Amino acid sequence: MQEIKWVNVPLYDELSVKNLYDDMIQYPEFRRYFPDRLPKGRQMDRSYFFNIMMTLNPDYTGNLILHAER
């Protein structure tokens, strides 16, 4: 828990789990924190998803947020 980099991500369409999940799940280090399958019509918790992104790749996540805010 001490290693997690917490982030509050603004609510923009381009920063939705639905838009980013398929791209991010391709990375093995990211995929290990998520189940193999989700029930139909379900997606990951937004806070959990972005906290994992920020912890594993803070530069990329920070740049996504900055780009969405512009």
Protein backbone atom coordinates (compact mmCIF):
# COMPACT_ATOMS: atom_id res chain seq x y z
CA MET A 1 0.00 0.00 0.00
CA GLN A 2 2.91 2.34 0.65
CA GLU A 3 4.14 1.92 -2.92
CA ILE A 4 0.85 2.96 -4.52
CA LYS A 5 0.88 6.37 -6.16
CA TRP A 6 -2.61 7.74 -5.58
CA VAL A 7 -4.19 9.97 -8.20
CA ASN A 8 -7.50 11.77 -8.68
CA VAL A 9 -8.25 11.78 -12.38
CA PRO A 10 -10.66 14.38 -13.79
CA LEU A 11 -13.83 13.09 -15.43
CA TYR A 12 -13.09 13.49 -19.14
CA ASP A 13 -14.27 11.13 -21.87
CA GLU A 14 -10.72 10.49 -23.08
CA LEU A 15 -9.76 9.46 -19.53
CA SER A 16 -12.37 6.75 -19.19
CA VAL A 17 -11.59 3.16 -18.26
CA LYS A 18 -13.55 2.04 -21.31
CA ASN A 19 -11.25 3.98 -23.65
CA LEU A 20 -7.97 2.95 -22.01
CA TYR A 21 -8.56 -0.59 -20.73
CA ASP A 22 -7.92 -2.49 -23.98
CA ASP A 23 -4.63 -0.65 -24.55
CA MET A 24 -3.36 -1.05 -21.02
CA ILE A 25 -4.33 -4.70 -20.51
CA GLN A 26 -1.82 -5.67 -23.22
CA TYR A 27 1.07 -4.96 -20.82
CA PRO A 28 1.89 -7.98 -18.63
CA GLU A 29 2.96 -5.86 -15.64
CA PHE A 30 -0.41 -4.08 -15.77
CA ARG A 31 -2.48 -7.19 -16.52
CA ARG A 32 -1.32 -8.99 -13.38
CA TYR A 33 -3.40 -6.63 -11.23
CA PHE A 34 -6.66 -7.41 -13.04
CA PRO A 35 -8.83 -10.50 -13.45
CA ASP A 36 -8.63 -12.46 -16.70
CA ARG A 37 -12.28 -11.79 -17.46
CA LEU A 38 -14.97 -9.45 -16.26
CA PRO A 39 -18.70 -10.14 -16.31
CA LYS A 40 -20.42 -8.91 -19.45
CA GLY A 41 -21.17 -5.19 -19.28
CA ARG A 42 -18.81 -4.60 -16.33
CA GLN A 43 -15.55 -2.67 -16.19
CA MET A 44 -12.83 -2.03 -13.66
CA ASP A 45 -13.26 0.43 -10.82
CA ARG A 46 -12.02 3.79 -12.12
CA SER A 47 -9.99 4.75 -9.03
CA TYR A 48 -8.30 1.36 -8.86
CA PHE A 49 -7.53 1.40 -12.60
CA PHE A 50 -5.87 4.81 -12.55
CA ASN A 51 -4.00 4.19 -9.30
CA ILE A 52 -2.45 1.09 -10.87
CA MET A 53 -1.62 3.10 -14.01
CA MET A 54 -0.02 5.87 -11.94
CA THR A 55 1.97 3.40 -9.87
CA LEU A 56 3.33 1.44 -12.83
CA ASN A 57 3.83 4.31 -15.28
CA PRO A 58 3.54 7.73 -13.62
CA ASP A 59 4.99 9.69 -16.56
CA TYR A 60 2.51 8.25 -19.06
CA THR A 61 -0.45 8.71 -16.72
CA GLY A 62 0.57 12.26 -15.86
CA ASN A 63 0.94 13.13 -19.54
CA LEU A 64 -2.52 11.68 -20.31
CA ILE A 65 -4.07 13.85 -17.62
CA LEU A 66 -2.23 16.99 -18.78
CA HIS A 67 -3.19 16.37 -22.38
CA ALA A 68 -6.86 15.90 -21.45
CA GLU A 69 -6.90 19.13 -19.44
CA ARG A 70 -5.65 21.20 -22.38
